[in-house]
Amino acid sequence: GEGSTTLRIRQAVRQSVPFPTILSGELGPGDARLFEFEVTQRETVFIEVDGATVDRFFVDDFDVYVEFDTYDLAPGTYEFLVSNFDGDESTTYTITPTAV
C-alpha cells in the first residue's frame, strides 16, 4: 500500500538484581526495562506484575514465556522484560516474585 511507516527501536535499560527482589518504577510510552534475575537456588516462584498497560516476557535460555505467572527456576541467570505498550501515556509497574 501507499503511505509511510515509522519504526522506533529502543534499547531496553538492563538491570541485574538478586532474586527474589520486588522491583518497581515508571515506564514512558513505549519504554521497556530488562531485568536479569540471578537465581542461586532451585525454587518455584509466582511472579506478579502490576501495571495497567504493562507487557512482560520471561526468557530462559532460548525459551520465551508470555503471560505465565509460575516458574520452576534452577540456579542461573534469567531475563525478565517489562514494557509499556501504550504509546501515549506513562505507567507504573511493580514486579513481585513470591516463593510457592
PDB file of N, CA and C in Angstrom:
ATOM      1  N   GLY A   1       0.815  -1.171   0.000  1.00  0.00           N
ATOM      2  CA  GLY A   1       0.000   0.000   0.000  1.00  0.00           C
ATOM      3  C   GLY A   1       0.865   1.242   0.000  1.00  0.00           C
ATOM      4  N   GLU A   2       0.224   2.349  -0.109  1.00  0.00           N
ATOM      5  CA  GLU A   2       0.928   3.620  -0.082  1.00  0.00           C
ATOM      6  C   GLU A   2       0.970   4.164   1.333  1.00  0.00           C
ATOM      7  N   GLY A   3       1.851   5.112   1.545  1.00  0.00           N
ATOM      8  CA  GLY A   3       1.973   5.715   2.865  1.00  0.00           C
ATOM      9  C   GLY A   3       3.341   5.457   3.434  1.00  0.00           C
ATOM     10  N   SER A   4       3.491   5.790   4.688  1.00  0.00           N
ATOM     11  CA  SER A   4       4.788   5.600   5.341  1.00  0.00           C
ATOM     12  C   SER A   4       4.597   4.949   6.692  1.00  0.00           C
ATOM     13  N   THR A   5       5.628   4.313   7.142  1.00  0.00           N
ATOM     14  CA  THR A   5       5.630   3.647   8.440  1.00  0.00           C
ATOM     15  C   THR A   5       6.858   4.088   9.200  1.00  0.00           C
ATOM     16  N   THR A   6       6.674   4.383  10.469  1.00  0.00           N
ATOM     17  CA  THR A   6       7.793   4.746  11.329  1.00  0.00           C
ATOM     18  C   THR A   6       8.066   3.601  12.283  1.00  0.00           C
ATOM     19  N   LEU A   7       9.290   3.131  12.290  1.00  0.00           N
ATOM     20  CA  LEU A   7       9.703   2.062  13.192  1.00  0.00           C
ATOM     21  C   LEU A   7      10.613   2.660  14.239  1.00  0.00           C
ATOM     22  N   ARG A   8      10.217   2.536  15.493  1.00  0.00           N
ATOM     23  CA  ARG A   8      11.011   3.085  16.587  1.00  0.00           C
ATOM     24  C   ARG A   8      11.623   1.926  17.354  1.00  0.00           C
ATOM     25  N   ILE A   9      12.944   1.897  17.438  1.00  0.00           N
ATOM     26  CA  ILE A   9      13.651   0.842  18.161  1.00  0.00           C
ATOM     27  C   ILE A   9      14.417   1.486  19.309  1.00  0.00           C
ATOM     28  N   ARG A  10      14.222   0.961  20.505  1.00  0.00           N
ATOM     29  CA  ARG A  10      14.939   1.450  21.678  1.00  0.00           C
ATOM     30  C   ARG A  10      15.629   0.286  22.352  1.00  0.00           C
ATOM     31  N   GLN A  11      16.786   0.544  22.897  1.00  0.00           N
ATOM     32  CA  GLN A  11      17.468  -0.482  23.674  1.00  0.00           C
ATOM     33  C   GLN A  11      16.940  -0.434  25.100  1.00  0.00           C
ATOM     34  N   ALA A  12      16.526  -1.567  25.612  1.00  0.00           N
ATOM     35  CA  ALA A  12      15.984  -1.624  26.964  1.00  0.00           C
ATOM     36  C   ALA A  12      17.095  -1.391  27.979  1.00  0.00           C
ATOM     37  N   VAL A  13      16.753  -0.694  29.054  1.00  0.00           N
ATOM     38  CA  VAL A  13      17.684  -0.493  30.155  1.00  0.00           C
ATOM     39  C   VAL A  13      17.848  -1.828  30.870  1.00  0.00           C
ATOM     40  N   ARG A  14      19.082  -2.287  31.055  1.00  0.00           N
ATOM     41  CA  ARG A  14      19.346  -3.590  31.677  1.00  0.00           C
ATOM     42  C   ARG A  14      19.765  -3.394  33.122  1.00  0.00           C
ATOM     43  N   GLN A  15      19.157  -4.169  34.012  1.00  0.00           N
ATOM     44  CA  GLN A  15      19.479  -4.087  35.435  1.00  0.00           C
ATOM     45  C   GLN A  15      19.592  -5.497  35.997  1.00  0.00           C
ATOM     46  N   SER A  16      20.729  -5.818  36.599  1.00  0.00           N
ATOM     47  CA  SER A  16      20.932  -7.131  37.200  1.00  0.00           C
ATOM     48  C   SER A  16      20.593  -7.063  38.682  1.00  0.00           C
ATOM     49  N   VAL A  17      19.742  -7.976  39.137  1.00  0.00           N
ATOM     50  CA  VAL A  17      19.287  -7.961  40.529  1.00  0.00           C
ATOM     51  C   VAL A  17      19.290  -9.373  41.100  1.00  0.00           C
ATOM     52  N   PRO A  18      19.540  -9.503  42.405  1.00  0.00           N
ATOM     53  CA  PRO A  18      19.401 -10.816  43.039  1.00  0.00           C
ATOM     54  C   PRO A  18      17.925 -11.213  43.064  1.00  0.00           C
ATOM     55  N   PHE A  19      17.674 -12.487  43.158  1.00  0.00           N
ATOM     56  CA  PHE A  19      16.301 -12.991  43.133  1.00  0.00           C
ATOM     57  C   PHE A  19      15.977 -13.651  44.457  1.00  0.00           C
ATOM     58  N   PRO A  20      14.838 -13.429  45.075  1.00  0.00           N
ATOM     59  CA  PRO A  20      13.765 -12.563  44.584  1.00  0.00           C
ATOM     60  C   PRO A  20      13.923 -11.128  45.099  1.00  0.00           C
ATOM     61  N   THR A  21      13.596 -10.166  44.288  1.00  0.00           N
ATOM     62  CA  THR A  21      13.614  -8.757  44.649  1.00  0.00           C
ATOM     63  C   THR A  21      12.336  -8.130  44.112  1.00  0.00           C
ATOM     64  N   ILE A  22      11.656  -7.334  44.933  1.00  0.00           N
ATOM     65  CA  ILE A  22      10.497  -6.597  44.446  1.00  0.00           C
ATOM     66  C   ILE A  22      11.008  -5.370  43.701  1.00  0.00           C
ATOM     67  N   LEU A  23      10.545  -5.201  42.473  1.00  0.00           N
ATOM     68  CA  LEU A  23      11.000  -4.106  41.623  1.00  0.00           C
ATOM     69  C   LEU A  23       9.820  -3.223  41.255  1.00  0.00           C
ATOM     70  N   SER A  24      10.058  -1.929  41.188  1.00  0.00           N
ATOM     71  CA  SER A  24       9.002  -1.024  40.753  1.00  0.00           C
ATOM     72  C   SER A  24       9.618   0.186  40.085  1.00  0.00           C
ATOM     73  N   GLY A  25       8.822   0.868  39.279  1.00  0.00           N
ATOM     74  CA  GLY A  25       9.298   2.056  38.594  1.00  0.00           C
ATOM     75  C   GLY A  25       8.244   2.584  37.656  1.00  0.00           C
ATOM     76  N   GLU A  26       8.683   3.414  36.732  1.00  0.00           N
ATOM     77  CA  GLU A  26       7.773   4.021  35.764  1.00  0.00           C
ATOM     78  C   GLU A  26       8.293   3.773  34.359  1.00  0.00           C
ATOM     79  N   LEU A  27       7.355   3.529  33.443  1.00  0.00           N
ATOM     80  CA  LEU A  27       7.676   3.334  32.041  1.00  0.00           C
ATOM     81  C   LEU A  27       6.975   4.413  31.233  1.00  0.00           C
ATOM     82  N   GLY A  28       7.738   5.121  30.407  1.00  0.00           N
ATOM     83  CA  GLY A  28       7.144   6.089  29.500  1.00  0.00           C
ATOM     84  C   GLY A  28       6.466   5.362  28.349  1.00  0.00           C
ATOM     85  N   PRO A  29       5.791   6.096  27.481  1.00  0.00           N
ATOM     86  CA  PRO A  29       5.132   5.471  26.332  1.00  0.00           C
ATOM     87  C   PRO A  29       6.114   4.680  25.475  1.00  0.00           C
ATOM     88  N   GLY A  30       5.878   3.392  25.321  1.00  0.00           N
ATOM     89  CA  GLY A  30       6.730   2.535  24.513  1.00  0.00           C
ATOM     90  C   GLY A  30       8.041   2.119  25.159  1.00  0.00           C
ATOM     91  N   ASP A  31       8.297   2.514  26.404  1.00  0.00           N
ATOM     92  CA  ASP A  31       9.548   2.170  27.079  1.00  0.00           C
ATOM     93  C   ASP A  31       9.566   0.718  27.536  1.00  0.00           C
ATOM     94  N   ALA A  32      10.774   0.216  27.803  1.00  0.00           N
ATOM     95  CA  ALA A  32      10.951  -1.148  28.294  1.00  0.00           C
ATOM     96  C   ALA A  32      12.089  -1.183  29.303  1.00  0.00           C
ATOM     97  N   ARG A  33      12.041  -2.133  30.229  1.00  0.00           N
ATOM     98  CA  ARG A  33      13.120  -2.383  31.183  1.00  0.00           C
ATOM     99  C   ARG A  33      13.431  -3.867  31.124  1.00  0.00           C
ATOM    100  N   LEU A  34      14.709  -4.187  31.137  1.00  0.00           N
ATOM    101  CA  LEU A  34      15.151  -5.574  31.100  1.00  0.00           C
ATOM    102  C   LEU A  34      15.880  -5.882  32.397  1.00  0.00           C
ATOM    103  N   PHE A  35      15.373  -6.856  33.136  1.00  0.00           N
ATOM    104  CA  PHE A  35      15.977  -7.251  34.401  1.00  0.00           C
ATOM    105  C   PHE A  35      16.639  -8.606  34.233  1.00  0.00           C
ATOM    106  N   GLU A  36      17.821  -8.763  34.805  1.00  0.00           N
ATOM    107  CA  GLU A  36      18.490 -10.056  34.862  1.00  0.00           C
ATOM    108  C   GLU A  36      18.372 -10.550  36.296  1.00  0.00           C
ATOM    109  N   PHE A  37      17.605 -11.621  36.471  1.00  0.00           N
ATOM    110  CA  PHE A  37      17.439 -12.209  37.796  1.00  0.00           C
ATOM    111  C   PHE A  37      18.544 -13.232  38.018  1.00  0.00           C
ATOM    112  N   GLU A  38      19.283 -13.073  39.091  1.00  0.00           N
ATOM    113  CA  GLU A  38      20.335 -14.018  39.467  1.00  0.00           C
ATOM    114  C   GLU A  38      19.751 -14.992  40.487  1.00  0.00           C
ATOM    115  N   VAL A  39      19.405 -16.198  40.055  1.00  0.00           N
ATOM    116  CA  VAL A  39      18.791 -17.203  40.915  1.00  0.00           C
ATOM    117  C   VAL A  39      19.889 -18.110  41.457  1.00  0.00           C
ATOM    118  N   THR A  40      19.964 -18.253  42.786  1.00  0.00           N
ATOM    119  CA  THR A  40      21.045 -19.021  43.398  1.00  0.00           C
ATOM    120  C   THR A  40      20.613 -20.406  43.870  1.00  0.00           C
ATOM    121  N   GLN A  41      19.310 -20.639  44.025  1.00  0.00           N
ATOM    122  CA  GLN A  41      18.848 -21.966  44.434  1.00  0.00           C
ATOM    123  C   GLN A  41      17.549 -22.298  43.717  1.00  0.00           C
ATOM    124  N   ARG A  42      17.353 -23.589  43.443  1.00  0.00           N
ATOM    125  CA  ARG A  42      16.144 -24.004  42.725  1.00  0.00           C
ATOM    126  C   ARG A  42      14.910 -23.694  43.565  1.00  0.00           C
ATOM    127  N   GLU A  43      13.928 -23.073  42.914  1.00  0.00           N
ATOM    128  CA  GLU A  43      12.663 -22.835  43.582  1.00  0.00           C
ATOM    129  C   GLU A  43      11.570 -22.563  42.559  1.00  0.00           C
ATOM    130  N   THR A  44      10.341 -22.798  42.982  1.00  0.00           N
ATOM    131  CA  THR A  44       9.179 -22.466  42.181  1.00  0.00           C
ATOM    132  C   THR A  44       8.657 -21.129  42.674  1.00  0.00           C
ATOM    133  N   VAL A  45       8.448 -20.208  41.750  1.00  0.00           N
ATOM    134  CA  VAL A  45       8.048 -18.857  42.139  1.00  0.00           C
ATOM    135  C   VAL A  45       6.829 -18.405  41.351  1.00  0.00           C
ATOM    136  N   PHE A  46       6.055 -17.553  41.981  1.00  0.00           N
ATOM    137  CA  PHE A  46       4.934 -16.879  41.355  1.00  0.00           C
ATOM    138  C   PHE A  46       5.368 -15.433  41.154  1.00  0.00           C
ATOM    139  N   ILE A  47       5.309 -14.938  39.914  1.00  0.00           N
ATOM    140  CA  ILE A  47       5.724 -13.572  39.630  1.00  0.00           C
ATOM    141  C   ILE A  47       4.496 -12.776  39.206  1.00  0.00           C
ATOM    142  N   GLU A  48       4.145 -11.789  40.023  1.00  0.00           N
ATOM    143  CA  GLU A  48       3.002 -10.931  39.735  1.00  0.00           C
ATOM    144  C   GLU A  48       3.514  -9.594  39.214  1.00  0.00           C
ATOM    145  N   VAL A  49       2.916  -9.119  38.124  1.00  0.00           N
ATOM    146  CA  VAL A  49       3.293  -7.824  37.555  1.00  0.00           C
ATOM    147  C   VAL A  49       2.063  -6.932  37.541  1.00  0.00           C
ATOM    148  N   ASP A  50       2.147  -5.799  38.240  1.00  0.00           N
ATOM    149  CA  ASP A  50       1.062  -4.827  38.250  1.00  0.00           C
ATOM    150  C   ASP A  50       1.430  -3.673  37.329  1.00  0.00           C
ATOM    151  N   GLY A  51       0.467  -3.194  36.590  1.00  0.00           N
ATOM    152  CA  GLY A  51       0.651  -2.056  35.695  1.00  0.00           C
ATOM    153  C   GLY A  51      -0.405  -2.126  34.611  1.00  0.00           C
ATOM    154  N   ALA A  52      -1.130  -1.038  34.405  1.00  0.00           N
ATOM    155  CA  ALA A  52      -2.295  -1.054  33.526  1.00  0.00           C
ATOM    156  C   ALA A  52      -1.956  -1.433  32.091  1.00  0.00           C
ATOM    157  N   THR A  53      -0.843  -0.973  31.568  1.00  0.00           N
ATOM    158  CA  THR A  53      -0.512  -1.228  30.157  1.00  0.00           C
ATOM    159  C   THR A  53       0.851  -1.897  30.030  1.00  0.00           C
ATOM    160  N   VAL A  54       1.156  -2.809  30.961  1.00  0.00           N
ATOM    161  CA  VAL A  54       2.473  -3.432  31.006  1.00  0.00           C
ATOM    162  C   VAL A  54       2.423  -4.836  30.404  1.00  0.00           C
ATOM    163  N   ASP A  55       3.276  -5.072  29.416  1.00  0.00           N
ATOM    164  CA  ASP A  55       3.501  -6.414  28.877  1.00  0.00           C
ATOM    165  C   ASP A  55       4.744  -6.989  29.530  1.00  0.00           C
ATOM    166  N   ARG A  56       4.852  -8.317  29.580  1.00  0.00           N
ATOM    167  CA  ARG A  56       6.049  -8.928  30.166  1.00  0.00           C
ATOM    168  C   ARG A  56       6.431 -10.168  29.389  1.00  0.00           C
ATOM    169  N   PHE A  57       7.731 -10.431  29.399  1.00  0.00           N
ATOM    170  CA  PHE A  57       8.292 -11.601  28.741  1.00  0.00           C
ATOM    171  C   PHE A  57       9.378 -12.151  29.634  1.00  0.00           C
ATOM    172  N   PHE A  58       9.368 -13.450  29.855  1.00  0.00           N
ATOM    173  CA  PHE A  58      10.363 -14.119  30.679  1.00  0.00           C
ATOM    174  C   PHE A  58      11.191 -14.998  29.775  1.00  0.00           C
ATOM    175  N   VAL A  59      12.512 -14.868  29.822  1.00  0.00           N
ATOM    176  CA  VAL A  59      13.386 -15.607  28.921  1.00  0.00           C
ATOM    177  C   VAL A  59      14.266 -16.569  29.720  1.00  0.00           C
ATOM    178  N   ASP A  60      14.191 -17.843  29.369  1.00  0.00           N
ATOM    179  CA  ASP A  60      15.009 -18.891  29.972  1.00  0.00           C
ATOM    180  C   ASP A  60      15.810 -19.516  28.833  1.00  0.00           C
ATOM    181  N   ASP A  61      17.075 -19.113  28.697  1.00  0.00           N
ATOM    182  CA  ASP A  61      17.907 -19.520  27.560  1.00  0.00           C
ATOM    183  C   ASP A  61      17.217 -19.118  26.254  1.00  0.00           C
ATOM    184  N   PHE A  62      16.684 -20.099  25.508  1.00  0.00           N
ATOM    185  CA  PHE A  62      16.056 -19.791  24.234  1.00  0.00           C
ATOM    186  C   PHE A  62      14.533 -19.804  24.309  1.00  0.00           C
ATOM    187  N   ASP A  63      13.978 -20.152  25.454  1.00  0.00           N
ATOM    188  CA  ASP A  63      12.530 -20.197  25.595  1.00  0.00           C
ATOM    189  C   ASP A  63      12.015 -18.847  26.077  1.00  0.00           C
ATOM    190  N   VAL A  64      10.926 -18.386  25.484  1.00  0.00           N
ATOM    191  CA  VAL A  64      10.294 -17.136  25.885  1.00  0.00           C
ATOM    192  C   VAL A  64       8.900 -17.461  26.392  1.00  0.00           C
ATOM    193  N   TYR A  65       8.595 -17.014  27.583  1.00  0.00           N
ATOM    194  CA  TYR A  65       7.301 -17.283  28.199  1.00  0.00           C
ATOM    195  C   TYR A  65       6.530 -15.978  28.306  1.00  0.00           C
ATOM    196  N   VAL A  66       5.330 -15.949  27.735  1.00  0.00           N
ATOM    197  CA  VAL A  66       4.496 -14.755  27.756  1.00  0.00           C
ATOM    198  C   VAL A  66       3.262 -15.049  28.595  1.00  0.00           C
ATOM    199  N   GLU A  67       2.962 -14.158  29.514  1.00  0.00           N
ATOM    200  CA  GLU A  67       1.769 -14.232  30.353  1.00  0.00           C
ATOM    201  C   GLU A  67       1.730 -15.483  31.219  1.00  0.00           C
ATOM    202  N   PHE A  68       2.876 -16.022  31.568  1.00  0.00           N
ATOM    203  CA  PHE A  68       2.957 -17.071  32.578  1.00  0.00           C
ATOM    204  C   PHE A  68       3.095 -16.384  33.929  1.00  0.00           C
ATOM    205  N   ASP A  69       2.649 -17.037  34.984  1.00  0.00           N
ATOM    206  CA  ASP A  69       2.784 -16.473  36.326  1.00  0.00           C
ATOM    207  C   ASP A  69       3.692 -17.302  37.214  1.00  0.00           C
ATOM    208  N   THR A  70       3.747 -18.627  37.004  1.00  0.00           N
ATOM    209  CA  THR A  70       4.507 -19.512  37.873  1.00  0.00           C
ATOM    210  C   THR A  70       5.647 -20.151  37.075  1.00  0.00           C
ATOM    211  N   TYR A  71       6.842 -20.135  37.679  1.00  0.00           N
ATOM    212  CA  TYR A  71       8.037 -20.650  37.005  1.00  0.00           C
ATOM    213  C   TYR A  71       8.807 -21.560  37.961  1.00  0.00           C
ATOM    214  N   ASP A  72       9.374 -22.631  37.423  1.00  0.00           N
ATOM    215  CA  ASP A  72      10.259 -23.507  38.179  1.00  0.00           C
ATOM    216  C   ASP A  72      11.679 -23.116  37.764  1.00  0.00           C
ATOM    217  N   LEU A  73      12.415 -22.470  38.658  1.00  0.00           N
ATOM    218  CA  LEU A  73      13.712 -21.896  38.311  1.00  0.00           C
ATOM    219  C   LEU A  73      14.865 -22.681  38.915  1.00  0.00           C
ATOM    220  N   ALA A  74      15.764 -23.136  38.061  1.00  0.00           N
ATOM    221  CA  ALA A  74      17.025 -23.724  38.506  1.00  0.00           C
ATOM    222  C   ALA A  74      18.015 -22.574  38.699  1.00  0.00           C
ATOM    223  N   PRO A  75      19.104 -22.786  39.424  1.00  0.00           N
ATOM    224  CA  PRO A  75      20.099 -21.722  39.560  1.00  0.00           C
ATOM    225  C   PRO A  75      20.594 -21.247  38.192  1.00  0.00           C
ATOM    226  N   GLY A  76      20.730 -19.944  38.050  1.00  0.00           N
ATOM    227  CA  GLY A  76      21.185 -19.381  36.791  1.00  0.00           C
ATOM    228  C   GLY A  76      20.739 -17.940  36.644  1.00  0.00           C
ATOM    229  N   THR A  77      20.936 -17.387  35.458  1.00  0.00           N
ATOM    230  CA  THR A  77      20.554 -16.015  35.150  1.00  0.00           C
ATOM    231  C   THR A  77      19.383 -16.032  34.182  1.00  0.00           C
ATOM    232  N   TYR A  78      18.343 -15.289  34.509  1.00  0.00           N
ATOM    233  CA  TYR A  78      17.137 -15.226  33.697  1.00  0.00           C
ATOM    234  C   TYR A  78      16.852 -13.770  33.334  1.00  0.00           C
ATOM    235  N   GLU A  79      16.284 -13.574  32.156  1.00  0.00           N
ATOM    236  CA  GLU A  79      15.914 -12.226  31.734  1.00  0.00           C
ATOM    237  C   GLU A  79      14.410 -12.054  31.862  1.00  0.00           C
ATOM    238  N   PHE A  80      14.009 -10.900  32.371  1.00  0.00           N
ATOM    239  CA  PHE A  80      12.603 -10.572  32.532  1.00  0.00           C
ATOM    240  C   PHE A  80      12.405  -9.183  31.963  1.00  0.00           C
ATOM    241  N   LEU A  81      11.620  -9.067  30.897  1.00  0.00           N
ATOM    242  CA  LEU A  81      11.411  -7.804  30.203  1.00  0.00           C
ATOM    243  C   LEU A  81       9.999  -7.296  30.469  1.00  0.00           C
ATOM    244  N   VAL A  82       9.885  -6.044  30.898  1.00  0.00           N
ATOM    245  CA  VAL A  82       8.580  -5.402  31.017  1.00  0.00           C
ATOM    246  C   VAL A  82       8.571  -4.206  30.078  1.00  0.00           C
ATOM    247  N   SER A  83       7.444  -3.978  29.431  1.00  0.00           N
ATOM    248  CA  SER A  83       7.345  -2.855  28.507  1.00  0.00           C
ATOM    249  C   SER A  83       5.967  -2.219  28.606  1.00  0.00           C
ATOM    250  N   ASN A  84       5.905  -0.936  28.279  1.00  0.00           N
ATOM    251  CA  ASN A  84       4.660  -0.186  28.268  1.00  0.00           C
ATOM    252  C   ASN A  84       4.169  -0.124  26.831  1.00  0.00           C
ATOM    253  N   PHE A  85       3.097  -0.858  26.530  1.00  0.00           N
ATOM    254  CA  PHE A  85       2.622  -0.903  25.158  1.00  0.00           C
ATOM    255  C   PHE A  85       1.727   0.283  24.807  1.00  0.00           C
ATOM    256  N   ASP A  86       1.451   1.161  25.773  1.00  0.00           N
ATOM    257  CA  ASP A  86       0.647   2.349  25.498  1.00  0.00           C
ATOM    258  C   ASP A  86       1.547   3.416  24.873  1.00  0.00           C
ATOM    259  N   GLY A  87       1.231   3.856  23.700  1.00  0.00           N
ATOM    260  CA  GLY A  87       2.057   4.834  23.004  1.00  0.00           C
ATOM    261  C   GLY A  87       1.828   6.269  23.427  1.00  0.00           C
ATOM    262  N   ASP A  88       0.890   6.502  24.353  1.00  0.00           N
ATOM    263  CA  ASP A  88       0.548   7.877  24.717  1.00  0.00           C
ATOM    264  C   ASP A  88       0.781   8.222  26.182  1.00  0.00           C
ATOM    265  N   GLU A  89       0.698   7.249  27.064  1.00  0.00           N
ATOM    266  CA  GLU A  89       0.726   7.535  28.495  1.00  0.00           C
ATOM    267  C   GLU A  89       1.835   6.767  29.204  1.00  0.00           C
ATOM    268  N   SER A  90       2.372   7.363  30.253  1.00  0.00           N
ATOM    269  CA  SER A  90       3.305   6.665  31.135  1.00  0.00           C
ATOM    270  C   SER A  90       2.509   5.760  32.069  1.00  0.00           C
ATOM    271  N   THR A  91       3.181   4.758  32.607  1.00  0.00           N
ATOM    272  CA  THR A  91       2.540   3.878  33.571  1.00  0.00           C
ATOM    273  C   THR A  91       3.566   3.446  34.606  1.00  0.00           C
ATOM    274  N   THR A  92       3.096   3.034  35.760  1.00  0.00           N
ATOM    275  CA  THR A  92       3.987   2.494  36.783  1.00  0.00           C
ATOM    276  C   THR A  92       3.860   0.975  36.768  1.00  0.00           C
ATOM    277  N   TYR A  93       4.905   0.308  37.286  1.00  0.00           N
ATOM    278  CA  TYR A  93       4.867  -1.151  37.350  1.00  0.00           C
ATOM    279  C   TYR A  93       5.452  -1.603  38.679  1.00  0.00           C
ATOM    280  N   THR A  94       5.036  -2.785  39.114  1.00  0.00           N
ATOM    281  CA  THR A  94       5.611  -3.461  40.268  1.00  0.00           C
ATOM    282  C   THR A  94       5.739  -4.929  39.926  1.00  0.00           C
ATOM    283  N   ILE A  95       6.924  -5.492  40.134  1.00  0.00           N
ATOM    284  CA  ILE A  95       7.177  -6.916  39.904  1.00  0.00           C
ATOM    285  C   ILE A  95       7.406  -7.558  41.263  1.00  0.00           C
ATOM    286  N   THR A  96       6.553  -8.510  41.606  1.00  0.00           N
ATOM    287  CA  THR A  96       6.639  -9.137  42.924  1.00  0.00           C
ATOM    288  C   THR A  96       6.833 -10.646  42.770  1.00  0.00           C
ATOM    289  N   PRO A  97       8.051 -11.163  42.987  1.00  0.00           N
ATOM    290  CA  PRO A  97       8.275 -12.609  42.972  1.00  0.00           C
ATOM    291  C   PRO A  97       8.026 -13.195  44.374  1.00  0.00           C
ATOM    292  N   THR A  98       7.313 -14.309  44.418  1.00  0.00           N
ATOM    293  CA  THR A  98       6.994 -14.962  45.692  1.00  0.00           C
ATOM    294  C   THR A  98       7.233 -16.464  45.563  1.00  0.00           C
ATOM    295  N   ALA A  99       7.936 -17.052  46.513  1.00  0.00           N
ATOM    296  CA  ALA A  99       8.138 -18.500  46.506  1.00  0.00           C
ATOM    297  C   ALA A  99       6.813 -19.200  46.683  1.00  0.00           C
ATOM    298  N   VAL A 100       6.623 -20.305  45.959  1.00  0.00           N
ATOM    299  CA  VAL A 100       5.361 -21.059  46.031  1.00  0.00           C
ATOM    300  C   VAL A 100       5.540 -22.236  46.952  1.00  0.00           C
TER     301      VAL A 100
END
